[in-house]
């Protein structure tokens, strides 16, 4: 069974640059490492997220997304930036996960925003959030602004290079698919 990577985009909007970024990163990682990939956004979690105080109050759809997150071998987390931080419902989703459920899990952190003034959100908001869970946020974080996209597709060489760098960092946890294939032969 291939390792599983789950992407979670903390956005309700569709189309969404945040989801497009998470999907792009996941596709490259899946190709390089042989991951099976599944991507979710807050629409996939569904409306019970906004009314649940505890995980057991979520509907089955939302519980299923959380189960995928906690049982993934690796995560790609993306958040839109609102007023210098992540959206409240995205944080609420993460709050419903027990800290030990993400312990040691490799995570690529990404964010999108309208301009460069939000670029440090990945370092000042997302990295500490997942540090609390003692997850392994990979050293390279990815921030993308509006100018990095054309029609909700990554269209920037500097952004593509940063994505390539962070995906290379997965090799500390997973051998590339071609290495695993040679070892199986």
N, C-alpha and C. Protein backbone atom coordinates (compact mmCIF):
# COMPACT_ATOMS: atom_id res chain seq x y z
N UNK A 1 0.85 -1.18 0.00
CA UNK A 1 0.00 0.00 0.00
C UNK A 1 0.90 1.25 0.00
N UNK A 2 0.66 2.17 -0.92
CA UNK A 2 1.52 3.37 -0.97
C UNK A 2 1.28 4.27 0.23
N UNK A 3 2.29 5.05 0.59
CA UNK A 3 2.06 6.02 1.67
C UNK A 3 0.97 7.01 1.27
N UNK A 4 0.23 7.48 2.26
CA UNK A 4 -0.90 8.39 2.00
C UNK A 4 -0.53 9.81 2.39
N UNK A 5 -0.79 10.71 1.47
CA UNK A 5 -0.64 12.13 1.78
C UNK A 5 -2.02 12.76 1.68
N UNK A 6 -2.34 13.57 2.67
CA UNK A 6 -3.62 14.27 2.69
C UNK A 6 -3.33 15.76 2.68
N UNK A 7 -4.04 16.46 1.81
CA UNK A 7 -3.95 17.91 1.76
C UNK A 7 -5.21 18.50 2.34
N UNK A 8 -5.03 19.54 3.15
CA UNK A 8 -6.19 20.24 3.68
C UNK A 8 -6.01 21.73 3.39
N UNK A 9 -6.97 22.27 2.66
CA UNK A 9 -6.96 23.69 2.32
C UNK A 9 -7.99 24.38 3.20
N UNK A 10 -7.57 25.34 3.97
CA UNK A 10 -8.46 26.00 4.92
C UNK A 10 -9.33 27.07 4.30
N UNK A 11 -9.92 26.75 3.17
CA UNK A 11 -10.75 27.70 2.44
C UNK A 11 -12.10 27.09 2.11
N UNK A 12 -13.13 27.94 2.07
CA UNK A 12 -14.45 27.52 1.62
C UNK A 12 -14.65 27.79 0.14
N UNK A 13 -13.88 28.72 -0.39
CA UNK A 13 -14.10 29.17 -1.76
C UNK A 13 -13.72 28.10 -2.78
N UNK A 14 -14.49 28.05 -3.83
CA UNK A 14 -14.16 27.24 -5.00
C UNK A 14 -14.51 28.04 -6.22
N UNK A 15 -13.60 28.29 -7.11
CA UNK A 15 -12.21 27.86 -7.02
C UNK A 15 -11.47 28.64 -5.95
N UNK A 16 -10.33 28.09 -5.56
CA UNK A 16 -9.53 28.67 -4.49
C UNK A 16 -8.05 28.55 -4.83
N UNK A 17 -7.33 29.62 -4.67
CA UNK A 17 -5.88 29.57 -4.89
C UNK A 17 -5.23 28.68 -3.84
N UNK A 18 -5.76 28.69 -2.64
CA UNK A 18 -5.20 27.85 -1.58
C UNK A 18 -5.35 26.38 -1.95
N UNK A 19 -6.53 25.99 -2.36
CA UNK A 19 -6.72 24.59 -2.77
C UNK A 19 -5.87 24.26 -3.99
N UNK A 20 -5.78 25.18 -4.93
CA UNK A 20 -4.96 24.94 -6.12
C UNK A 20 -3.51 24.73 -5.73
N UNK A 21 -3.01 25.50 -4.77
CA UNK A 21 -1.62 25.34 -4.31
C UNK A 21 -1.44 23.99 -3.64
N UNK A 22 -2.35 23.62 -2.75
CA UNK A 22 -2.25 22.32 -2.06
C UNK A 22 -2.32 21.17 -3.06
N UNK A 23 -3.23 21.25 -4.02
CA UNK A 23 -3.33 20.21 -5.06
C UNK A 23 -2.06 20.12 -5.88
N UNK A 24 -1.48 21.25 -6.23
CA UNK A 24 -0.25 21.28 -7.02
C UNK A 24 0.90 20.60 -6.26
N UNK A 25 1.07 20.98 -5.01
CA UNK A 25 2.14 20.39 -4.19
C UNK A 25 1.90 18.89 -4.02
N UNK A 26 0.67 18.50 -3.77
CA UNK A 26 0.35 17.08 -3.57
C UNK A 26 0.61 16.27 -4.83
N UNK A 27 0.28 16.81 -5.99
CA UNK A 27 0.50 16.08 -7.24
C UNK A 27 1.98 15.82 -7.48
N UNK A 28 2.82 16.81 -7.21
CA UNK A 28 4.26 16.63 -7.39
C UNK A 28 4.80 15.63 -6.37
N UNK A 29 4.37 15.75 -5.13
CA UNK A 29 4.82 14.81 -4.10
C UNK A 29 4.36 13.39 -4.41
N UNK A 30 3.13 13.24 -4.87
CA UNK A 30 2.62 11.90 -5.21
C UNK A 30 3.43 11.29 -6.33
N UNK A 31 3.78 12.10 -7.31
CA UNK A 31 4.58 11.60 -8.43
C UNK A 31 5.98 11.20 -7.98
N UNK A 32 6.61 12.03 -7.17
CA UNK A 32 7.99 11.79 -6.77
C UNK A 32 8.13 10.65 -5.76
N UNK A 33 7.15 10.51 -4.85
CA UNK A 33 7.28 9.54 -3.77
C UNK A 33 6.29 8.39 -3.85
N UNK A 34 5.44 8.39 -4.83
CA UNK A 34 4.47 7.31 -4.97
C UNK A 34 3.34 7.37 -3.97
N UNK A 35 3.07 8.54 -3.43
CA UNK A 35 1.96 8.70 -2.48
C UNK A 35 0.63 8.50 -3.18
N UNK A 36 -0.35 8.02 -2.43
CA UNK A 36 -1.73 8.22 -2.84
C UNK A 36 -2.12 9.54 -2.19
N UNK A 37 -2.83 10.38 -2.93
CA UNK A 37 -3.13 11.72 -2.42
C UNK A 37 -4.62 11.97 -2.41
N UNK A 38 -5.07 12.65 -1.37
CA UNK A 38 -6.46 13.07 -1.25
C UNK A 38 -6.46 14.48 -0.69
N UNK A 39 -7.22 15.36 -1.33
CA UNK A 39 -7.25 16.76 -0.93
C UNK A 39 -8.65 17.12 -0.46
N UNK A 40 -8.69 17.92 0.61
CA UNK A 40 -9.96 18.41 1.15
C UNK A 40 -9.87 19.91 1.38
N UNK A 41 -11.01 20.56 1.36
CA UNK A 41 -11.11 21.94 1.80
C UNK A 41 -12.24 22.01 2.82
N UNK A 42 -12.54 23.19 3.30
CA UNK A 42 -13.57 23.30 4.34
C UNK A 42 -14.96 22.96 3.82
N UNK A 43 -15.21 23.09 2.52
CA UNK A 43 -16.48 22.62 1.97
C UNK A 43 -16.61 21.12 2.13
N UNK A 44 -15.51 20.40 1.95
CA UNK A 44 -15.54 18.94 2.12
C UNK A 44 -15.81 18.53 3.56
N UNK A 45 -15.35 19.35 4.49
CA UNK A 45 -15.60 19.05 5.91
C UNK A 45 -17.09 19.20 6.20
N UNK A 46 -17.69 20.22 5.62
CA UNK A 46 -19.14 20.38 5.74
C UNK A 46 -19.59 21.29 6.86
N UNK A 47 -20.90 21.51 6.94
CA UNK A 47 -21.45 22.51 7.85
C UNK A 47 -21.38 22.14 9.33
N UNK A 48 -21.24 20.87 9.66
CA UNK A 48 -21.22 20.53 11.08
C UNK A 48 -20.00 21.08 11.79
N UNK A 49 -18.94 21.43 11.04
CA UNK A 49 -17.74 21.99 11.65
C UNK A 49 -18.07 23.26 12.44
N UNK A 50 -18.94 24.08 11.90
CA UNK A 50 -19.26 25.34 12.54
C UNK A 50 -20.12 25.23 13.77
N UNK A 51 -20.75 24.08 13.98
CA UNK A 51 -21.66 23.93 15.13
C UNK A 51 -21.11 22.97 16.19
N UNK A 52 -20.06 22.23 15.87
CA UNK A 52 -19.54 21.23 16.80
C UNK A 52 -18.55 21.85 17.78
N UNK A 53 -18.77 21.60 19.04
CA UNK A 53 -17.79 22.00 20.05
C UNK A 53 -16.76 20.89 20.28
N UNK A 54 -17.16 19.68 20.02
CA UNK A 54 -16.30 18.51 20.23
C UNK A 54 -16.33 17.64 18.98
N UNK A 55 -15.33 16.84 18.81
CA UNK A 55 -15.21 15.99 17.63
C UNK A 55 -16.39 15.03 17.50
N UNK A 56 -16.87 14.52 18.60
CA UNK A 56 -17.98 13.56 18.54
C UNK A 56 -19.30 14.22 18.12
N UNK A 57 -19.33 15.55 18.03
CA UNK A 57 -20.52 16.25 17.58
C UNK A 57 -20.52 16.50 16.07
N UNK A 58 -19.44 16.14 15.39
CA UNK A 58 -19.36 16.32 13.94
C UNK A 58 -20.21 15.27 13.23
N UNK A 59 -20.66 15.59 12.04
CA UNK A 59 -21.35 14.58 11.25
C UNK A 59 -20.32 13.62 10.65
N UNK A 60 -20.79 12.57 10.02
CA UNK A 60 -19.89 11.53 9.50
C UNK A 60 -18.93 12.06 8.44
N UNK A 61 -19.42 12.99 7.63
CA UNK A 61 -18.56 13.58 6.59
C UNK A 61 -17.35 14.26 7.22
N UNK A 62 -17.58 15.10 8.21
CA UNK A 62 -16.49 15.82 8.86
C UNK A 62 -15.58 14.87 9.63
N UNK A 63 -16.17 13.90 10.32
CA UNK A 63 -15.35 12.91 11.04
C UNK A 63 -14.45 12.15 10.07
N UNK A 64 -14.97 11.87 8.88
CA UNK A 64 -14.18 11.15 7.88
C UNK A 64 -12.97 11.95 7.43
N UNK A 65 -13.13 13.25 7.25
CA UNK A 65 -12.00 14.10 6.86
C UNK A 65 -10.95 14.12 7.97
N UNK A 66 -11.39 14.27 9.20
CA UNK A 66 -10.43 14.28 10.31
C UNK A 66 -9.72 12.93 10.40
N UNK A 67 -10.44 11.84 10.22
CA UNK A 67 -9.80 10.52 10.25
C UNK A 67 -8.73 10.40 9.16
N UNK A 68 -9.01 10.92 7.97
CA UNK A 68 -8.01 10.91 6.90
C UNK A 68 -6.78 11.72 7.31
N UNK A 69 -7.01 12.87 7.92
CA UNK A 69 -5.89 13.72 8.34
C UNK A 69 -5.02 13.00 9.36
N UNK A 70 -5.63 12.45 10.39
CA UNK A 70 -4.83 11.86 11.47
C UNK A 70 -4.18 10.53 11.07
N UNK A 71 -4.72 9.85 10.05
CA UNK A 71 -4.12 8.58 9.62
C UNK A 71 -3.22 8.72 8.40
N UNK A 72 -3.07 9.92 7.90
CA UNK A 72 -2.18 10.15 6.76
C UNK A 72 -0.73 9.93 7.18
N UNK A 73 0.08 9.54 6.23
CA UNK A 73 1.52 9.42 6.49
C UNK A 73 2.20 10.79 6.45
N UNK A 74 1.61 11.72 5.73
CA UNK A 74 2.14 13.09 5.63
C UNK A 74 0.99 14.02 5.27
N UNK A 75 1.18 15.29 5.57
CA UNK A 75 0.14 16.29 5.30
C UNK A 75 0.71 17.46 4.50
N UNK A 76 -0.16 18.03 3.70
CA UNK A 76 0.10 19.33 3.10
C UNK A 76 -1.02 20.22 3.60
N UNK A 77 -0.66 21.24 4.34
CA UNK A 77 -1.65 22.14 4.93
C UNK A 77 -1.54 23.49 4.24
N UNK A 78 -2.66 23.99 3.80
CA UNK A 78 -2.69 25.31 3.17
C UNK A 78 -3.75 26.17 3.78
N UNK A 79 -3.43 27.44 3.93
CA UNK A 79 -4.40 28.36 4.49
C UNK A 79 -4.41 29.66 3.71
N UNK A 80 -5.60 30.18 3.46
CA UNK A 80 -5.64 31.56 2.97
C UNK A 80 -5.28 32.47 4.14
N UNK A 81 -4.80 33.64 3.83
CA UNK A 81 -4.43 34.59 4.87
C UNK A 81 -5.50 35.66 4.99
N UNK A 82 -6.04 35.79 6.20
CA UNK A 82 -7.02 36.82 6.51
C UNK A 82 -6.48 37.64 7.68
N UNK A 83 -6.23 38.90 7.42
CA UNK A 83 -5.76 39.81 8.47
C UNK A 83 -4.54 39.24 9.20
N UNK A 84 -3.62 38.68 8.43
CA UNK A 84 -2.36 38.20 8.98
C UNK A 84 -2.39 36.82 9.60
N UNK A 85 -3.49 36.10 9.49
CA UNK A 85 -3.57 34.79 10.12
C UNK A 85 -4.45 33.86 9.28
N UNK A 86 -4.70 32.68 9.84
CA UNK A 86 -5.56 31.69 9.19
C UNK A 86 -7.02 31.92 9.59
N UNK A 87 -7.97 31.42 8.80
CA UNK A 87 -9.39 31.58 9.14
C UNK A 87 -9.76 30.81 10.41
N UNK A 88 -10.75 31.33 11.11
CA UNK A 88 -11.18 30.73 12.36
C UNK A 88 -11.69 29.30 12.22
N UNK A 89 -12.46 29.01 11.18
CA UNK A 89 -12.98 27.64 11.02
C UNK A 89 -11.87 26.65 10.69
N UNK A 90 -10.84 27.09 9.98
CA UNK A 90 -9.67 26.24 9.76
C UNK A 90 -9.04 25.89 11.10
N UNK A 91 -8.85 26.89 11.95
CA UNK A 91 -8.27 26.65 13.28
C UNK A 91 -9.18 25.75 14.10
N UNK A 92 -10.48 25.92 13.98
CA UNK A 92 -11.41 25.06 14.72
C UNK A 92 -11.27 23.60 14.27
N UNK A 93 -11.10 23.38 12.98
CA UNK A 93 -10.89 22.02 12.49
C UNK A 93 -9.64 21.42 13.13
N UNK A 94 -8.58 22.17 13.16
CA UNK A 94 -7.33 21.68 13.75
C UNK A 94 -7.50 21.48 15.26
N UNK A 95 -8.27 22.34 15.91
CA UNK A 95 -8.52 22.20 17.35
C UNK A 95 -9.24 20.90 17.70
N UNK A 96 -9.96 20.32 16.75
CA UNK A 96 -10.68 19.08 17.02
C UNK A 96 -9.79 17.84 16.89
N UNK A 97 -8.54 18.05 16.57
CA UNK A 97 -7.56 16.95 16.48
C UNK A 97 -6.78 16.90 17.79
N UNK A 98 -6.60 15.72 18.32
CA UNK A 98 -5.82 15.56 19.56
C UNK A 98 -4.34 15.75 19.25
N UNK A 99 -3.60 16.43 20.12
CA UNK A 99 -2.18 16.70 19.84
C UNK A 99 -1.35 15.46 19.51
N UNK A 100 -1.59 14.36 20.17
CA UNK A 100 -0.79 13.15 19.91
C UNK A 100 -1.09 12.54 18.54
N UNK A 101 -2.19 12.95 17.90
CA UNK A 101 -2.55 12.37 16.60
C UNK A 101 -1.69 12.91 15.45
N UNK A 102 -0.98 14.01 15.69
CA UNK A 102 -0.11 14.55 14.65
C UNK A 102 1.37 14.46 15.04
N UNK A 103 1.64 13.87 16.19
CA UNK A 103 3.03 13.79 16.68
C UNK A 103 3.92 13.10 15.65
N UNK A 104 4.99 13.81 15.28
CA UNK A 104 5.99 13.25 14.38
C UNK A 104 5.58 13.20 12.92
N UNK A 105 4.38 13.67 12.58
CA UNK A 105 3.92 13.60 11.20
C UNK A 105 4.59 14.69 10.37
N UNK A 106 5.19 14.34 9.21
CA UNK A 106 5.76 15.39 8.36
C UNK A 106 4.66 16.21 7.70
N UNK A 107 4.83 17.54 7.75
CA UNK A 107 3.82 18.45 7.23
C UNK A 107 4.50 19.54 6.41
N UNK A 108 3.98 19.72 5.20
CA UNK A 108 4.35 20.88 4.40
C UNK A 108 3.33 21.96 4.71
N UNK A 109 3.81 23.13 5.12
CA UNK A 109 2.91 24.24 5.42
C UNK A 109 2.95 25.24 4.26
N UNK A 110 1.74 25.63 3.83
CA UNK A 110 1.60 26.58 2.73
C UNK A 110 0.52 27.60 3.07
N UNK A 111 0.61 28.74 2.41
CA UNK A 111 -0.42 29.77 2.59
C UNK A 111 -0.49 30.61 1.33
N UNK A 112 -1.63 31.23 1.16
CA UNK A 112 -1.84 32.15 0.06
C UNK A 112 -2.34 33.48 0.61
N UNK A 113 -2.08 34.53 -0.13
CA UNK A 113 -2.55 35.85 0.26
C UNK A 113 -2.50 36.79 -0.91
N UNK A 114 -3.08 37.95 -0.72
CA UNK A 114 -3.16 38.91 -1.79
C UNK A 114 -1.84 39.54 -2.17
N UNK A 115 -0.92 39.64 -1.22
CA UNK A 115 0.36 40.27 -1.49
C UNK A 115 1.44 39.78 -0.55
N UNK A 116 2.62 40.34 -0.72
CA UNK A 116 3.78 39.87 0.03
C UNK A 116 3.74 40.21 1.52
N UNK A 117 2.96 41.18 1.92
CA UNK A 117 2.98 41.56 3.33
C UNK A 117 2.47 40.45 4.26
N UNK A 118 1.85 39.42 3.71
CA UNK A 118 1.37 38.30 4.52
C UNK A 118 2.32 37.09 4.49
N UNK A 119 3.45 37.23 3.83
CA UNK A 119 4.32 36.08 3.59
C UNK A 119 4.78 35.38 4.87
N UNK A 120 4.96 36.11 5.94
CA UNK A 120 5.44 35.48 7.17
C UNK A 120 4.36 34.74 7.95
N UNK A 121 3.14 34.73 7.42
CA UNK A 121 2.07 33.99 8.10
C UNK A 121 2.43 32.53 8.30
N UNK A 122 3.11 31.94 7.33
CA UNK A 122 3.49 30.53 7.46
C UNK A 122 4.41 30.32 8.66
N UNK A 123 5.29 31.28 8.90
CA UNK A 123 6.25 31.15 10.01
C UNK A 123 5.68 31.58 11.36
N UNK A 124 4.83 32.60 11.36
CA UNK A 124 4.33 33.16 12.62
C UNK A 124 3.01 32.57 13.07
N UNK A 125 2.31 31.89 12.17
CA UNK A 125 1.01 31.32 12.52
C UNK A 125 0.98 29.80 12.35
N UNK A 126 1.28 29.31 11.15
CA UNK A 126 1.16 27.86 10.90
C UNK A 126 2.25 27.03 11.58
N UNK A 127 3.49 27.48 11.51
CA UNK A 127 4.56 26.67 12.12
C UNK A 127 4.35 26.51 13.63
N UNK A 128 4.04 27.58 14.38
CA UNK A 128 3.78 27.38 15.81
C UNK A 128 2.55 26.50 16.08
N UNK A 129 1.51 26.64 15.25
CA UNK A 129 0.32 25.83 15.44
C UNK A 129 0.67 24.34 15.40
N UNK A 130 1.40 23.93 14.36
CA UNK A 130 1.73 22.51 14.24
C UNK A 130 2.90 22.11 15.13
N UNK A 131 3.69 23.09 15.59
CA UNK A 131 4.70 22.82 16.60
C UNK A 131 4.06 22.36 17.91
N UNK A 132 2.91 22.94 18.23
CA UNK A 132 2.18 22.52 19.42
C UNK A 132 1.86 21.03 19.37
N UNK A 133 1.58 20.52 18.17
CA UNK A 133 1.24 19.12 17.99
C UNK A 133 2.48 18.23 17.90
N UNK A 134 3.65 18.81 18.02
CA UNK A 134 4.94 18.14 17.84
C UNK A 134 5.02 17.40 16.50
N UNK A 135 4.43 18.02 15.50
CA UNK A 135 4.54 17.51 14.13
C UNK A 135 5.87 18.00 13.56
N UNK A 136 6.31 17.38 12.49
CA UNK A 136 7.54 17.80 11.81
C UNK A 136 7.18 18.71 10.64
N UNK A 137 7.04 20.00 10.91
CA UNK A 137 6.84 20.91 9.78
C UNK A 137 8.17 20.98 9.04
N UNK A 138 8.12 20.75 7.74
CA UNK A 138 9.34 20.75 6.96
C UNK A 138 9.96 22.15 6.95
N UNK A 139 11.29 22.24 6.85
CA UNK A 139 11.96 23.53 6.99
C UNK A 139 11.52 24.60 5.99
N UNK A 140 11.24 24.21 4.77
CA UNK A 140 10.82 25.19 3.77
C UNK A 140 9.31 25.34 3.82
N UNK A 141 8.86 26.56 3.99
CA UNK A 141 7.44 26.87 3.94
C UNK A 141 7.15 27.53 2.60
N UNK A 142 5.91 27.42 2.15
CA UNK A 142 5.54 27.94 0.84
C UNK A 142 4.44 28.98 1.00
N UNK A 143 4.73 30.19 0.54
CA UNK A 143 3.73 31.24 0.51
C UNK A 143 3.57 31.68 -0.94
N UNK A 144 2.33 31.85 -1.36
CA UNK A 144 2.05 32.30 -2.72
C UNK A 144 1.09 33.48 -2.69
N UNK A 145 1.40 34.49 -3.48
CA UNK A 145 0.51 35.64 -3.59
C UNK A 145 -0.28 35.54 -4.89
N UNK A 146 -1.19 36.46 -5.05
CA UNK A 146 -2.06 36.44 -6.24
C UNK A 146 -1.26 36.40 -7.54
N UNK A 147 -0.13 37.08 -7.58
CA UNK A 147 0.64 37.15 -8.83
C UNK A 147 1.28 35.82 -9.21
N UNK A 148 1.28 34.83 -8.29
CA UNK A 148 1.87 33.52 -8.56
C UNK A 148 0.92 32.58 -9.28
N UNK A 149 -0.30 33.04 -9.56
CA UNK A 149 -1.33 32.20 -10.17
C UNK A 149 -1.87 32.83 -11.45
N UNK A 150 -2.22 31.98 -12.38
CA UNK A 150 -3.00 32.38 -13.55
C UNK A 150 -4.12 31.35 -13.66
N UNK A 151 -5.35 31.83 -13.63
CA UNK A 151 -6.51 30.94 -13.69
C UNK A 151 -6.44 29.81 -12.66
N UNK A 152 -6.09 30.16 -11.43
CA UNK A 152 -6.03 29.22 -10.32
C UNK A 152 -5.01 28.10 -10.55
N UNK A 153 -3.96 28.40 -11.28
CA UNK A 153 -2.87 27.45 -11.50
C UNK A 153 -1.57 28.13 -11.13
N UNK A 154 -0.68 27.37 -10.49
CA UNK A 154 0.64 27.89 -10.16
C UNK A 154 1.34 28.28 -11.45
N UNK A 155 1.80 29.54 -11.52
CA UNK A 155 2.41 30.05 -12.74
C UNK A 155 3.55 31.00 -12.38
N UNK A 156 4.47 30.52 -11.58
CA UNK A 156 5.58 31.34 -11.13
C UNK A 156 6.81 30.46 -10.94
N UNK A 157 7.89 30.81 -11.60
CA UNK A 157 9.12 30.01 -11.46
C UNK A 157 9.67 30.05 -10.04
N UNK A 158 9.73 31.21 -9.38
CA UNK A 158 10.23 31.19 -7.99
C UNK A 158 9.36 30.33 -7.07
N UNK A 159 8.04 30.37 -7.24
CA UNK A 159 7.16 29.53 -6.43
C UNK A 159 7.39 28.06 -6.75
N UNK A 160 7.51 27.72 -8.02
CA UNK A 160 7.76 26.33 -8.41
C UNK A 160 9.07 25.82 -7.82
N UNK A 161 10.09 26.67 -7.77
CA UNK A 161 11.38 26.27 -7.19
C UNK A 161 11.24 26.03 -5.69
N UNK A 162 10.47 26.87 -5.01
CA UNK A 162 10.26 26.69 -3.57
C UNK A 162 9.48 25.41 -3.30
N UNK A 163 8.49 25.12 -4.12
CA UNK A 163 7.72 23.88 -3.99
C UNK A 163 8.63 22.68 -4.20
N UNK A 164 9.47 22.74 -5.21
CA UNK A 164 10.41 21.65 -5.47
C UNK A 164 11.34 21.43 -4.28
N UNK A 165 11.79 22.51 -3.67
CA UNK A 165 12.68 22.41 -2.51
C UNK A 165 12.00 21.72 -1.33
N UNK A 166 10.77 22.10 -1.04
CA UNK A 166 10.09 21.49 0.10
C UNK A 166 9.75 20.03 -0.17
N UNK A 167 9.42 19.71 -1.40
CA UNK A 167 9.12 18.31 -1.72
C UNK A 167 10.38 17.46 -1.59
N UNK A 168 11.53 18.02 -1.94
CA UNK A 168 12.80 17.31 -1.73
C UNK A 168 12.99 16.97 -0.25
N UNK A 169 12.50 17.82 0.64
CA UNK A 169 12.67 17.60 2.08
C UNK A 169 11.90 16.39 2.59
N UNK A 170 10.91 15.93 1.84
CA UNK A 170 10.21 14.69 2.22
C UNK A 170 11.16 13.50 2.20
N UNK A 171 12.26 13.58 1.47
CA UNK A 171 13.17 12.44 1.36
C UNK A 171 13.76 12.04 2.71
N UNK A 172 13.72 12.92 3.70
CA UNK A 172 14.16 12.55 5.04
C UNK A 172 13.21 11.54 5.68
N UNK A 173 11.98 11.46 5.16
CA UNK A 173 10.96 10.57 5.71
C UNK A 173 10.58 9.44 4.77
N UNK A 174 10.66 9.70 3.46
CA UNK A 174 10.20 8.73 2.46
C UNK A 174 11.22 8.65 1.33
N UNK A 175 11.59 7.44 0.91
CA UNK A 175 12.45 7.35 -0.28
C UNK A 175 11.63 7.68 -1.51
N UNK A 176 12.27 8.33 -2.51
CA UNK A 176 11.53 8.57 -3.75
C UNK A 176 11.01 7.27 -4.34
N UNK A 177 9.92 7.33 -5.08
CA UNK A 177 9.27 6.14 -5.63
C UNK A 177 10.23 5.31 -6.46
N UNK A 178 11.10 5.95 -7.25
CA UNK A 178 12.03 5.18 -8.10
C UNK A 178 13.03 4.40 -7.26
N UNK A 179 13.41 4.93 -6.08
CA UNK A 179 14.32 4.19 -5.18
C UNK A 179 13.61 2.98 -4.59
N UNK A 180 12.34 3.17 -4.19
CA UNK A 180 11.57 2.04 -3.64
C UNK A 180 11.36 0.99 -4.71
N UNK A 181 11.13 1.42 -5.94
CA UNK A 181 10.91 0.48 -7.04
C UNK A 181 12.16 -0.37 -7.28
N UNK A 182 13.35 0.26 -7.27
CA UNK A 182 14.59 -0.48 -7.47
C UNK A 182 14.83 -1.45 -6.32
N UNK A 183 14.51 -1.04 -5.10
CA UNK A 183 14.72 -1.91 -3.94
C UNK A 183 13.80 -3.13 -4.00
N UNK A 184 12.61 -2.95 -4.57
CA UNK A 184 11.65 -4.08 -4.67
C UNK A 184 12.08 -5.08 -5.71
N UNK A 185 12.86 -4.66 -6.69
CA UNK A 185 13.31 -5.55 -7.74
C UNK A 185 14.42 -6.39 -7.19
